[in-house]
N, C-alpha and C. Protein backbone atom coordinates (compact mmCIF):
# COMPACT_ATOMS: atom_id res chain seq x y z
N UNK A 1 82.67 113.95 127.83
CA UNK A 1 83.93 114.50 128.29
C UNK A 1 84.81 113.42 128.92
N UNK A 2 84.17 112.50 129.69
CA UNK A 2 84.96 111.47 130.36
C UNK A 2 85.69 110.60 129.35
N UNK A 3 85.01 110.25 128.24
CA UNK A 3 85.65 109.41 127.23
C UNK A 3 86.87 110.11 126.66
N UNK A 4 86.76 111.37 126.35
CA UNK A 4 87.89 112.13 125.81
C UNK A 4 89.04 112.14 126.80
N UNK A 5 88.71 112.35 128.08
CA UNK A 5 89.73 112.37 129.13
C UNK A 5 90.42 111.02 129.25
N UNK A 6 89.63 109.94 129.21
CA UNK A 6 90.19 108.60 129.32
C UNK A 6 91.14 108.30 128.16
N UNK A 7 90.72 108.62 126.95
CA UNK A 7 91.56 108.37 125.78
C UNK A 7 92.87 109.13 125.88
N UNK A 8 92.82 110.35 126.37
CA UNK A 8 94.04 111.13 126.53
C UNK A 8 94.94 110.52 127.60
N UNK A 9 94.34 110.08 128.69
CA UNK A 9 95.12 109.45 129.76
C UNK A 9 95.77 108.16 129.29
N UNK A 10 95.04 107.37 128.50
CA UNK A 10 95.59 106.11 128.00
C UNK A 10 96.72 106.36 127.02
N UNK A 11 96.55 107.38 126.18
CA UNK A 11 97.60 107.74 125.24
C UNK A 11 98.84 108.22 125.97
N UNK A 12 98.65 109.02 127.01
CA UNK A 12 99.78 109.51 127.79
C UNK A 12 100.48 108.38 128.54
N UNK A 13 99.68 107.41 129.03
CA UNK A 13 100.26 106.30 129.79
C UNK A 13 101.15 105.44 128.90
N UNK A 14 100.66 105.13 127.70
CA UNK A 14 101.48 104.45 126.70
C UNK A 14 101.64 102.96 126.84
N UNK A 15 101.44 102.41 128.04
CA UNK A 15 101.63 100.98 128.28
C UNK A 15 100.37 100.42 128.93
N UNK A 16 99.84 99.35 128.34
CA UNK A 16 98.65 98.68 128.88
C UNK A 16 99.04 97.28 129.33
N UNK A 17 98.76 96.95 130.58
CA UNK A 17 99.03 95.60 131.09
C UNK A 17 97.84 94.71 130.75
N UNK A 18 98.08 93.68 129.95
CA UNK A 18 97.04 92.74 129.55
C UNK A 18 97.18 91.50 130.42
N UNK A 19 96.25 91.30 131.34
CA UNK A 19 96.42 90.30 132.39
C UNK A 19 95.50 89.09 132.23
N UNK A 20 96.14 87.93 132.28
CA UNK A 20 95.43 86.66 132.30
C UNK A 20 95.92 85.87 133.50
N UNK A 21 95.08 85.05 134.08
CA UNK A 21 95.49 84.26 135.22
C UNK A 21 94.53 83.12 135.47
N UNK A 22 94.85 82.31 136.48
CA UNK A 22 94.03 81.15 136.80
C UNK A 22 92.83 81.51 137.67
N UNK A 23 92.96 82.59 138.44
CA UNK A 23 91.87 83.01 139.32
C UNK A 23 91.73 84.53 139.31
N UNK A 24 90.59 85.00 139.77
CA UNK A 24 90.39 86.44 139.88
C UNK A 24 91.36 87.05 140.88
N UNK A 25 91.60 86.35 141.98
CA UNK A 25 92.52 86.86 143.00
C UNK A 25 93.94 87.00 142.45
N UNK A 26 94.35 86.04 141.63
CA UNK A 26 95.69 86.11 141.05
C UNK A 26 95.81 87.34 140.14
N UNK A 27 94.79 87.60 139.36
CA UNK A 27 94.83 88.74 138.45
C UNK A 27 94.79 90.06 139.22
N UNK A 28 94.04 90.10 140.30
CA UNK A 28 94.04 91.30 141.14
C UNK A 28 95.43 91.56 141.69
N UNK A 29 96.10 90.51 142.14
CA UNK A 29 97.48 90.66 142.64
C UNK A 29 98.41 91.15 141.54
N UNK A 30 98.28 90.57 140.34
CA UNK A 30 99.09 91.02 139.21
C UNK A 30 98.84 92.51 138.93
N UNK A 31 97.58 92.89 138.92
CA UNK A 31 97.22 94.27 138.62
C UNK A 31 97.79 95.23 139.65
N UNK A 32 97.66 94.87 140.92
CA UNK A 32 98.18 95.73 141.99
C UNK A 32 99.68 95.92 141.86
N UNK A 33 100.38 94.85 141.51
CA UNK A 33 101.83 94.94 141.35
C UNK A 33 102.19 95.76 140.11
N UNK A 34 101.44 95.57 139.03
CA UNK A 34 101.70 96.35 137.81
C UNK A 34 101.51 97.84 138.07
N UNK A 35 100.46 98.17 138.80
CA UNK A 35 100.19 99.57 139.14
C UNK A 35 101.30 100.11 140.04
N UNK A 36 101.73 99.30 140.99
CA UNK A 36 102.83 99.70 141.87
C UNK A 36 104.09 100.01 141.06
N UNK A 37 104.28 99.26 139.97
CA UNK A 37 105.44 99.47 139.12
C UNK A 37 105.30 100.63 138.15
N UNK A 38 104.12 101.22 138.09
CA UNK A 38 103.95 102.42 137.27
C UNK A 38 103.03 102.30 136.08
N UNK A 39 102.53 101.09 135.78
CA UNK A 39 101.58 100.93 134.68
C UNK A 39 100.19 101.33 135.18
N UNK A 40 99.59 102.31 134.53
CA UNK A 40 98.34 102.88 135.01
C UNK A 40 97.12 102.48 134.20
N UNK A 41 97.30 101.58 133.23
CA UNK A 41 96.16 101.10 132.44
C UNK A 41 96.17 99.57 132.51
N UNK A 42 95.12 98.99 133.05
CA UNK A 42 95.04 97.56 133.30
C UNK A 42 93.88 96.95 132.52
N UNK A 43 94.18 95.92 131.74
CA UNK A 43 93.16 95.19 130.99
C UNK A 43 93.02 93.79 131.58
N UNK A 44 91.87 93.51 132.17
CA UNK A 44 91.57 92.18 132.71
C UNK A 44 90.80 91.40 131.66
N UNK A 45 91.35 90.30 131.20
CA UNK A 45 90.71 89.56 130.12
C UNK A 45 89.58 88.68 130.63
N UNK A 46 88.58 88.48 129.80
CA UNK A 46 87.43 87.67 130.17
C UNK A 46 87.72 86.18 130.16
N UNK A 47 88.94 85.79 129.83
CA UNK A 47 89.34 84.39 129.95
C UNK A 47 89.63 84.02 131.40
N UNK A 48 89.74 85.02 132.26
CA UNK A 48 89.98 84.79 133.68
C UNK A 48 88.68 84.35 134.35
N UNK A 49 88.68 83.23 135.10
CA UNK A 49 87.47 82.85 135.82
C UNK A 49 87.02 83.97 136.77
N UNK A 50 85.73 84.28 136.74
CA UNK A 50 85.17 85.36 137.57
C UNK A 50 85.88 86.69 137.31
N UNK A 51 86.16 86.95 136.05
CA UNK A 51 86.87 88.17 135.66
C UNK A 51 86.13 89.42 136.10
N UNK A 52 84.80 89.38 136.06
CA UNK A 52 84.03 90.57 136.44
C UNK A 52 84.24 90.93 137.90
N UNK A 53 84.46 89.92 138.74
CA UNK A 53 84.74 90.19 140.15
C UNK A 53 86.07 90.93 140.29
N UNK A 54 87.05 90.51 139.51
CA UNK A 54 88.36 91.17 139.55
C UNK A 54 88.24 92.61 139.07
N UNK A 55 87.49 92.82 137.99
CA UNK A 55 87.30 94.18 137.46
C UNK A 55 86.62 95.07 138.50
N UNK A 56 85.57 94.55 139.12
CA UNK A 56 84.84 95.33 140.12
C UNK A 56 85.74 95.71 141.30
N UNK A 57 86.52 94.75 141.77
CA UNK A 57 87.40 95.01 142.92
C UNK A 57 88.46 96.06 142.57
N UNK A 58 89.06 95.92 141.40
CA UNK A 58 90.10 96.86 140.99
C UNK A 58 89.52 98.24 140.71
N UNK A 59 88.35 98.27 140.08
CA UNK A 59 87.73 99.56 139.77
C UNK A 59 87.39 100.33 141.04
N UNK A 60 86.89 99.63 142.04
CA UNK A 60 86.56 100.28 143.31
C UNK A 60 87.81 100.83 143.99
N UNK A 61 88.91 100.12 143.84
CA UNK A 61 90.15 100.52 144.52
C UNK A 61 90.90 101.62 143.80
N UNK A 62 90.86 101.59 142.45
CA UNK A 62 91.75 102.47 141.69
C UNK A 62 91.06 103.50 140.80
N UNK A 63 89.80 103.31 140.48
CA UNK A 63 89.17 104.17 139.48
C UNK A 63 88.28 105.27 140.05
N UNK A 64 88.21 105.38 141.36
CA UNK A 64 87.36 106.40 141.97
C UNK A 64 87.87 107.79 141.64
N UNK A 65 86.96 108.68 141.31
CA UNK A 65 87.32 110.06 140.99
C UNK A 65 87.89 110.79 142.20
N UNK A 66 87.64 110.25 143.40
CA UNK A 66 88.09 110.93 144.61
C UNK A 66 89.53 110.58 144.97
N UNK A 67 90.12 109.63 144.27
CA UNK A 67 91.48 109.19 144.59
C UNK A 67 92.50 110.26 144.25
N UNK A 68 93.57 110.26 145.00
CA UNK A 68 94.72 111.07 144.64
C UNK A 68 95.21 110.62 143.27
N UNK A 69 95.63 111.56 142.44
CA UNK A 69 96.02 111.24 141.06
C UNK A 69 97.11 110.18 140.99
N UNK A 70 98.00 110.16 141.97
CA UNK A 70 99.10 109.20 141.95
C UNK A 70 98.63 107.76 142.17
N UNK A 71 97.42 107.60 142.73
CA UNK A 71 96.90 106.27 143.02
C UNK A 71 95.89 105.81 141.97
N UNK A 72 95.53 106.69 141.05
CA UNK A 72 94.49 106.39 140.07
C UNK A 72 95.02 105.47 138.97
N UNK A 73 94.21 104.53 138.56
CA UNK A 73 94.52 103.67 137.43
C UNK A 73 93.25 103.42 136.64
N UNK A 74 93.40 103.17 135.36
CA UNK A 74 92.26 102.92 134.48
C UNK A 74 92.10 101.41 134.34
N UNK A 75 90.95 100.90 134.71
CA UNK A 75 90.68 99.47 134.68
C UNK A 75 89.71 99.17 133.54
N UNK A 76 90.07 98.21 132.69
CA UNK A 76 89.22 97.85 131.56
C UNK A 76 89.10 96.36 131.40
N UNK A 77 88.34 95.96 130.41
CA UNK A 77 88.11 94.54 130.13
C UNK A 77 88.70 94.18 128.78
N UNK A 78 89.25 92.98 128.70
CA UNK A 78 89.77 92.46 127.44
C UNK A 78 89.06 91.18 127.05
N UNK A 79 89.27 90.75 125.80
CA UNK A 79 88.64 89.54 125.26
C UNK A 79 87.12 89.64 125.36
N UNK A 80 86.59 90.83 125.12
CA UNK A 80 85.13 91.01 125.07
C UNK A 80 84.67 90.66 123.66
N UNK A 81 84.06 89.50 123.53
CA UNK A 81 83.70 88.97 122.21
C UNK A 81 82.39 89.52 121.66
N UNK A 82 81.56 90.08 122.54
CA UNK A 82 80.22 90.49 122.12
C UNK A 82 79.73 91.63 123.01
N UNK A 83 78.65 92.30 122.59
CA UNK A 83 78.15 93.44 123.37
C UNK A 83 77.64 93.05 124.75
N UNK A 84 77.13 91.83 124.88
CA UNK A 84 76.64 91.39 126.19
C UNK A 84 77.78 91.37 127.21
N UNK A 85 78.92 90.83 126.79
CA UNK A 85 80.09 90.79 127.67
C UNK A 85 80.58 92.20 127.98
N UNK A 86 80.62 93.04 126.97
CA UNK A 86 81.08 94.41 127.16
C UNK A 86 80.19 95.15 128.16
N UNK A 87 78.88 95.01 128.02
CA UNK A 87 77.95 95.70 128.91
C UNK A 87 78.11 95.22 130.35
N UNK A 88 78.25 93.91 130.53
CA UNK A 88 78.43 93.36 131.88
C UNK A 88 79.70 93.92 132.52
N UNK A 89 80.76 94.02 131.72
CA UNK A 89 82.02 94.54 132.24
C UNK A 89 81.91 96.02 132.59
N UNK A 90 81.22 96.78 131.74
CA UNK A 90 81.03 98.21 132.02
C UNK A 90 80.25 98.40 133.32
N UNK A 91 79.22 97.58 133.53
CA UNK A 91 78.45 97.66 134.77
C UNK A 91 79.28 97.27 135.98
N UNK A 92 80.33 96.47 135.76
CA UNK A 92 81.22 96.06 136.85
C UNK A 92 82.32 97.08 137.11
N UNK A 93 82.38 98.13 136.27
CA UNK A 93 83.36 99.18 136.50
C UNK A 93 84.39 99.36 135.42
N UNK A 94 84.36 98.55 134.37
CA UNK A 94 85.35 98.68 133.29
C UNK A 94 85.21 100.03 132.61
N UNK A 95 86.32 100.71 132.41
CA UNK A 95 86.31 102.04 131.79
C UNK A 95 86.72 102.00 130.32
N UNK A 96 87.15 100.85 129.84
CA UNK A 96 87.39 100.68 128.41
C UNK A 96 87.18 99.21 128.07
N UNK A 97 86.97 98.94 126.78
CA UNK A 97 86.67 97.59 126.31
C UNK A 97 87.61 97.24 125.17
N UNK A 98 88.20 96.04 125.26
CA UNK A 98 89.10 95.55 124.22
C UNK A 98 88.60 94.20 123.74
N UNK A 99 88.68 93.96 122.44
CA UNK A 99 88.30 92.67 121.89
C UNK A 99 89.38 92.15 120.96
N UNK A 100 89.42 90.84 120.72
CA UNK A 100 90.43 90.28 119.83
C UNK A 100 90.12 90.50 118.36
N UNK A 101 88.87 90.88 118.07
CA UNK A 101 88.44 91.09 116.68
C UNK A 101 87.47 92.26 116.63
N UNK A 102 87.16 92.68 115.42
CA UNK A 102 86.24 93.80 115.21
C UNK A 102 84.80 93.29 115.19
N UNK A 103 84.06 93.61 116.25
CA UNK A 103 82.66 93.23 116.36
C UNK A 103 81.82 94.51 116.34
N UNK A 104 81.18 94.82 115.22
CA UNK A 104 80.44 96.09 115.11
C UNK A 104 79.41 96.31 116.21
N UNK A 105 78.75 95.25 116.64
CA UNK A 105 77.73 95.41 117.68
C UNK A 105 78.35 95.85 119.00
N UNK A 106 79.54 95.34 119.29
CA UNK A 106 80.24 95.74 120.51
C UNK A 106 80.67 97.19 120.43
N UNK A 107 81.15 97.60 119.26
CA UNK A 107 81.55 99.00 119.06
C UNK A 107 80.34 99.92 119.24
N UNK A 108 79.21 99.53 118.67
CA UNK A 108 77.99 100.35 118.79
C UNK A 108 77.59 100.52 120.24
N UNK A 109 77.62 99.43 121.00
CA UNK A 109 77.25 99.50 122.41
C UNK A 109 78.18 100.44 123.18
N UNK A 110 79.48 100.28 122.95
CA UNK A 110 80.44 101.12 123.67
C UNK A 110 80.28 102.59 123.30
N UNK A 111 80.01 102.86 122.03
CA UNK A 111 79.76 104.24 121.61
C UNK A 111 78.51 104.81 122.28
N UNK A 112 77.52 103.96 122.43
CA UNK A 112 76.27 104.39 123.07
C UNK A 112 76.52 104.89 124.49
N UNK A 113 77.41 104.20 125.20
CA UNK A 113 77.70 104.56 126.59
C UNK A 113 78.97 105.39 126.72
N UNK A 114 79.53 105.84 125.61
CA UNK A 114 80.71 106.70 125.59
C UNK A 114 81.87 106.05 126.33
N UNK A 115 82.10 104.77 126.04
CA UNK A 115 83.20 104.02 126.63
C UNK A 115 84.21 103.72 125.53
N UNK A 116 85.48 104.03 125.72
CA UNK A 116 86.49 103.71 124.69
C UNK A 116 86.50 102.22 124.38
N UNK A 117 86.56 101.89 123.09
CA UNK A 117 86.59 100.50 122.65
C UNK A 117 87.75 100.32 121.68
N UNK A 118 88.49 99.23 121.87
CA UNK A 118 89.67 98.95 121.06
C UNK A 118 89.57 97.54 120.48
N UNK A 119 88.97 97.41 119.30
CA UNK A 119 88.84 96.09 118.69
C UNK A 119 90.13 95.63 118.04
N UNK A 120 90.32 94.32 118.00
CA UNK A 120 91.48 93.77 117.31
C UNK A 120 91.30 93.81 115.81
N UNK A 121 92.37 94.16 115.11
CA UNK A 121 92.34 94.23 113.64
C UNK A 121 93.61 93.61 113.08
N UNK A 122 93.50 93.15 111.82
CA UNK A 122 94.66 92.55 111.16
C UNK A 122 94.89 93.11 109.76
N UNK A 123 93.91 93.82 109.23
CA UNK A 123 94.01 94.28 107.84
C UNK A 123 93.63 95.76 107.72
N UNK A 124 94.06 96.36 106.61
CA UNK A 124 93.68 97.74 106.31
C UNK A 124 92.16 97.86 106.23
N UNK A 125 91.51 96.88 105.63
CA UNK A 125 90.05 96.92 105.50
C UNK A 125 89.38 96.97 106.87
N UNK A 126 89.88 96.15 107.82
CA UNK A 126 89.30 96.15 109.16
C UNK A 126 89.54 97.48 109.87
N UNK A 127 90.73 98.04 109.69
CA UNK A 127 91.03 99.33 110.32
C UNK A 127 90.11 100.42 109.77
N UNK A 128 89.93 100.43 108.44
CA UNK A 128 89.04 101.42 107.84
C UNK A 128 87.61 101.25 108.35
N UNK A 129 87.16 100.00 108.45
CA UNK A 129 85.81 99.76 108.97
C UNK A 129 85.69 100.25 110.41
N UNK A 130 86.72 99.99 111.21
CA UNK A 130 86.71 100.42 112.60
C UNK A 130 86.60 101.94 112.70
N UNK A 131 87.37 102.63 111.86
CA UNK A 131 87.31 104.09 111.86
C UNK A 131 85.92 104.59 111.49
N UNK A 132 85.31 103.94 110.51
CA UNK A 132 83.97 104.34 110.08
C UNK A 132 82.93 104.10 111.18
N UNK A 133 83.19 103.13 112.05
CA UNK A 133 82.28 102.83 113.16
C UNK A 133 82.50 103.77 114.35
N UNK A 134 83.56 104.58 114.27
CA UNK A 134 83.82 105.52 115.36
C UNK A 134 84.83 105.06 116.38
N UNK A 135 85.64 104.07 116.03
CA UNK A 135 86.67 103.57 116.95
C UNK A 135 87.83 104.57 117.01
N UNK A 136 88.31 104.84 118.23
CA UNK A 136 89.40 105.80 118.40
C UNK A 136 90.78 105.15 118.38
N UNK A 137 90.88 103.92 118.90
CA UNK A 137 92.15 103.19 118.92
C UNK A 137 91.88 101.76 118.47
N UNK A 138 92.67 101.27 117.52
CA UNK A 138 92.55 99.87 117.11
C UNK A 138 93.72 99.08 117.68
N UNK A 139 93.45 97.82 117.99
CA UNK A 139 94.48 96.94 118.52
C UNK A 139 95.03 96.07 117.39
N UNK A 140 96.30 96.24 117.06
CA UNK A 140 96.93 95.39 116.06
C UNK A 140 97.27 94.08 116.73
N UNK A 141 96.54 93.03 116.34
CA UNK A 141 96.64 91.75 117.05
C UNK A 141 96.50 90.59 116.09
N UNK A 142 97.32 89.53 116.26
CA UNK A 142 98.43 89.41 117.21
C UNK A 142 99.65 90.20 116.72
N UNK A 143 100.22 91.03 117.58
CA UNK A 143 101.33 91.88 117.19
C UNK A 143 102.57 91.12 116.77
N UNK A 144 102.74 89.89 117.30
CA UNK A 144 103.95 89.13 116.97
C UNK A 144 103.94 88.63 115.53
N UNK A 145 102.83 88.78 114.82
CA UNK A 145 102.79 88.42 113.40
C UNK A 145 103.24 89.58 112.52
N UNK A 146 103.45 90.74 113.14
CA UNK A 146 103.81 91.94 112.40
C UNK A 146 105.14 92.48 112.92
N UNK A 147 105.51 93.65 112.42
CA UNK A 147 106.70 94.34 112.89
C UNK A 147 106.37 95.82 112.99
N UNK A 148 107.20 96.61 113.67
CA UNK A 148 106.95 98.05 113.73
C UNK A 148 106.79 98.69 112.36
N UNK A 149 107.44 98.14 111.36
CA UNK A 149 107.32 98.69 110.01
C UNK A 149 105.88 98.63 109.51
N UNK A 150 105.10 97.69 110.05
CA UNK A 150 103.70 97.56 109.65
C UNK A 150 102.92 98.83 109.97
N UNK A 151 103.19 99.42 111.14
CA UNK A 151 102.48 100.63 111.52
C UNK A 151 102.80 101.77 110.56
N UNK A 152 104.07 101.90 110.21
CA UNK A 152 104.45 102.94 109.25
C UNK A 152 103.73 102.74 107.92
N UNK A 153 103.62 101.49 107.50
CA UNK A 153 102.94 101.19 106.24
C UNK A 153 101.45 101.52 106.32
N UNK A 154 100.82 101.17 107.44
CA UNK A 154 99.39 101.45 107.62
C UNK A 154 99.12 102.95 107.62
N UNK A 155 100.01 103.69 108.28
CA UNK A 155 99.80 105.13 108.41
C UNK A 155 100.06 105.89 107.11
N UNK A 156 100.52 105.18 106.08
CA UNK A 156 100.60 105.81 104.76
C UNK A 156 99.22 106.19 104.27
N UNK A 157 98.34 105.20 104.06
CA UNK A 157 96.98 105.52 103.61
C UNK A 157 96.05 105.96 104.74
N UNK A 158 96.38 105.58 105.99
CA UNK A 158 95.49 105.89 107.12
C UNK A 158 96.26 106.58 108.24
N UNK A 159 96.74 107.80 107.99
CA UNK A 159 97.53 108.50 109.02
C UNK A 159 96.73 108.82 110.26
N UNK A 160 95.40 108.83 110.14
CA UNK A 160 94.54 109.17 111.27
C UNK A 160 94.32 108.00 112.22
N UNK A 161 94.79 106.81 111.87
CA UNK A 161 94.56 105.63 112.70
C UNK A 161 95.48 105.63 113.92
N UNK A 162 94.89 105.44 115.09
CA UNK A 162 95.65 105.26 116.33
C UNK A 162 95.77 103.76 116.58
N UNK A 163 97.00 103.26 116.58
CA UNK A 163 97.23 101.82 116.59
C UNK A 163 97.99 101.39 117.84
N UNK A 164 97.48 100.35 118.49
CA UNK A 164 98.12 99.78 119.67
C UNK A 164 98.46 98.32 119.41
N UNK A 165 99.74 97.98 119.18
CA UNK A 165 100.10 96.58 119.01
C UNK A 165 100.02 95.83 120.33
N UNK A 166 99.51 94.62 120.29
CA UNK A 166 99.42 93.77 121.47
C UNK A 166 99.81 92.35 121.08
N UNK A 167 100.70 91.77 121.89
CA UNK A 167 101.22 90.44 121.56
C UNK A 167 102.56 90.58 120.89
N UNK A 168 103.58 90.01 121.49
CA UNK A 168 104.91 90.09 120.90
C UNK A 168 105.68 91.35 121.23
N UNK A 169 105.10 92.25 122.02
CA UNK A 169 105.81 93.46 122.44
C UNK A 169 106.69 93.10 123.64
N UNK A 170 107.95 93.50 123.58
CA UNK A 170 108.90 93.19 124.65
C UNK A 170 109.74 94.42 124.95
N UNK A 171 110.56 94.31 125.99
CA UNK A 171 111.45 95.42 126.33
C UNK A 171 112.43 95.72 125.20
N UNK A 172 112.77 94.68 124.44
CA UNK A 172 113.76 94.86 123.38
C UNK A 172 113.19 95.55 122.14
N UNK A 173 111.87 95.48 121.94
CA UNK A 173 111.30 96.10 120.72
C UNK A 173 110.28 97.20 121.00
N UNK A 174 110.01 97.49 122.27
CA UNK A 174 109.02 98.52 122.60
C UNK A 174 109.35 99.85 121.93
N UNK A 175 110.60 100.26 122.01
CA UNK A 175 111.00 101.55 121.43
C UNK A 175 110.73 101.59 119.93
N UNK A 176 110.96 100.46 119.26
CA UNK A 176 110.73 100.40 117.81
C UNK A 176 109.25 100.62 117.49
N UNK A 177 108.37 100.02 118.28
CA UNK A 177 106.93 100.19 118.06
C UNK A 177 106.51 101.64 118.27
N UNK A 178 106.99 102.23 119.36
CA UNK A 178 106.61 103.61 119.68
C UNK A 178 107.14 104.57 118.62
N UNK A 179 108.37 104.40 118.22
CA UNK A 179 108.97 105.30 117.23
C UNK A 179 108.34 105.12 115.85
N UNK A 180 107.74 103.94 115.63
CA UNK A 180 107.05 103.70 114.36
C UNK A 180 105.68 104.37 114.32
N UNK A 181 105.20 104.83 115.48
CA UNK A 181 103.93 105.53 115.50
C UNK A 181 102.83 104.92 116.35
N UNK A 182 103.14 103.86 117.11
CA UNK A 182 102.12 103.25 117.97
C UNK A 182 101.67 104.25 119.03
N UNK A 183 100.37 104.35 119.24
CA UNK A 183 99.84 105.28 120.24
C UNK A 183 100.07 104.74 121.65
N UNK A 184 100.17 103.41 121.76
CA UNK A 184 100.43 102.72 123.02
C UNK A 184 100.79 101.29 122.68
N UNK A 185 101.21 100.52 123.68
CA UNK A 185 101.50 99.10 123.46
C UNK A 185 100.82 98.28 124.55
N UNK A 186 100.39 97.08 124.18
CA UNK A 186 99.82 96.15 125.14
C UNK A 186 100.85 95.10 125.51
N UNK A 187 101.07 94.93 126.82
CA UNK A 187 102.07 93.98 127.31
C UNK A 187 101.35 92.82 127.98
N UNK A 188 101.60 91.61 127.50
CA UNK A 188 100.93 90.45 128.05
C UNK A 188 101.82 89.57 128.90
N UNK A 189 102.10 88.38 128.41
CA UNK A 189 102.77 87.36 129.21
C UNK A 189 104.17 87.77 129.67
N UNK A 190 104.86 88.60 128.90
CA UNK A 190 106.21 88.99 129.29
C UNK A 190 106.21 89.72 130.64
N UNK A 191 105.10 90.34 130.97
CA UNK A 191 105.00 91.08 132.22
C UNK A 191 104.84 90.16 133.42
N UNK A 192 104.23 88.99 133.22
CA UNK A 192 103.83 88.16 134.36
C UNK A 192 104.46 86.77 134.41
N UNK A 193 105.11 86.34 133.34
CA UNK A 193 105.61 84.96 133.27
C UNK A 193 106.52 84.61 134.43
N UNK A 194 107.50 85.45 134.71
CA UNK A 194 108.46 85.15 135.79
C UNK A 194 107.75 85.07 137.14
N UNK A 195 106.80 85.94 137.36
CA UNK A 195 106.07 85.95 138.63
C UNK A 195 105.26 84.67 138.80
N UNK A 196 104.60 84.24 137.72
CA UNK A 196 103.79 83.02 137.78
C UNK A 196 104.68 81.80 138.04
N UNK A 197 105.83 81.76 137.40
CA UNK A 197 106.75 80.62 137.57
C UNK A 197 107.28 80.52 138.99
N UNK A 198 107.60 81.66 139.58
CA UNK A 198 108.25 81.68 140.90
C UNK A 198 107.28 81.88 142.06
N UNK A 199 106.10 82.41 141.77
CA UNK A 199 105.17 82.75 142.83
C UNK A 199 105.47 84.07 143.51
N UNK A 200 106.47 84.77 143.00
CA UNK A 200 106.85 86.08 143.55
C UNK A 200 106.26 87.18 142.67
N UNK A 201 105.10 87.68 143.06
CA UNK A 201 104.39 88.64 142.21
C UNK A 201 104.97 90.04 142.27
N UNK A 202 105.93 90.26 143.19
CA UNK A 202 106.62 91.54 143.18
C UNK A 202 107.45 91.70 141.90
N UNK A 203 107.72 90.59 141.23
CA UNK A 203 108.45 90.65 139.96
C UNK A 203 107.64 91.38 138.89
N UNK A 204 106.32 91.35 139.02
CA UNK A 204 105.48 92.09 138.08
C UNK A 204 105.74 93.58 138.21
N UNK A 205 105.85 94.06 139.44
CA UNK A 205 106.13 95.48 139.67
C UNK A 205 107.49 95.87 139.09
N UNK A 206 108.46 95.01 139.27
CA UNK A 206 109.81 95.30 138.75
C UNK A 206 109.80 95.35 137.22
N UNK A 207 109.12 94.39 136.60
CA UNK A 207 109.06 94.37 135.14
C UNK A 207 108.24 95.56 134.63
N UNK A 208 107.17 95.90 135.34
CA UNK A 208 106.35 97.05 134.94
C UNK A 208 107.19 98.33 134.95
N UNK A 209 108.00 98.50 135.97
CA UNK A 209 108.86 99.68 136.06
C UNK A 209 109.83 99.74 134.89
N UNK A 210 110.32 98.58 134.46
CA UNK A 210 111.23 98.53 133.31
C UNK A 210 110.51 98.95 132.04
N UNK A 211 109.26 98.52 131.89
CA UNK A 211 108.49 98.90 130.70
C UNK A 211 108.19 100.40 130.69
N UNK A 212 107.86 100.95 131.82
CA UNK A 212 107.59 102.39 131.89
C UNK A 212 108.86 103.18 131.57
N UNK A 213 109.98 102.74 132.09
CA UNK A 213 111.25 103.40 131.80
C UNK A 213 111.57 103.34 130.31
N UNK A 214 111.34 102.16 129.71
CA UNK A 214 111.61 101.99 128.28
C UNK A 214 110.68 102.87 127.44
N UNK A 215 109.41 102.96 127.86
CA UNK A 215 108.46 103.79 127.13
C UNK A 215 108.85 105.27 127.20
N UNK A 216 109.18 105.72 128.38
CA UNK A 216 109.55 107.13 128.54
C UNK A 216 110.81 107.47 127.74
N UNK A 217 111.75 106.54 127.70
CA UNK A 217 112.97 106.76 126.91
C UNK A 217 112.64 106.82 125.42
N UNK A 218 111.70 105.96 124.98
CA UNK A 218 111.33 105.93 123.56
C UNK A 218 110.63 107.21 123.13
N UNK A 219 109.94 107.87 124.05
CA UNK A 219 109.19 109.09 123.72
C UNK A 219 110.07 110.34 123.68
N UNK A 220 111.28 110.23 124.18
CA UNK A 220 112.17 111.40 124.21
C UNK A 220 112.74 111.72 122.84
């Protein structure tokens, strides 16, 4: 039941913050600001030093079932290359797993523990394989190599595929992706670049609020 609930919450949220940084503390700060700005799904990538510490800290703060709904956020792991990494992240509190590619062993592990998994895909063949493995959402990655029209084309033969583009999504094209049929979008460097350059991490909250506003407008 929890997996079904999480998938519905992620679909309703529509925007996933994909966070990379130099330290775990920096990523925690980014995540807190993104949540403050209204993004309720946070992906901490395993390229972050001590990423599991960041996931554990964020999960304890935001993922508790006892929290008021307005303070709740879904914390997950990104760049999970193998099942060992995925399992470690799940034990640290990750509620979903994202990878840059389709790794069947990782999908199997996540299915075993009823944790949503979103592998990266680039082809129709990979999407079909992911569906056969029981994947609920596939990550179209790198998204900047494609266009919103790609999703429409994919949904011709595979209308049942739930697709989340990540990479290359911006405020200027978010609406196009959503209207083309994306179940959600992953936002990476565009969310955090200004904050990293200036050291003012409140800019992440401001940019997050802009993305949420753009998403809500696109859904109308």
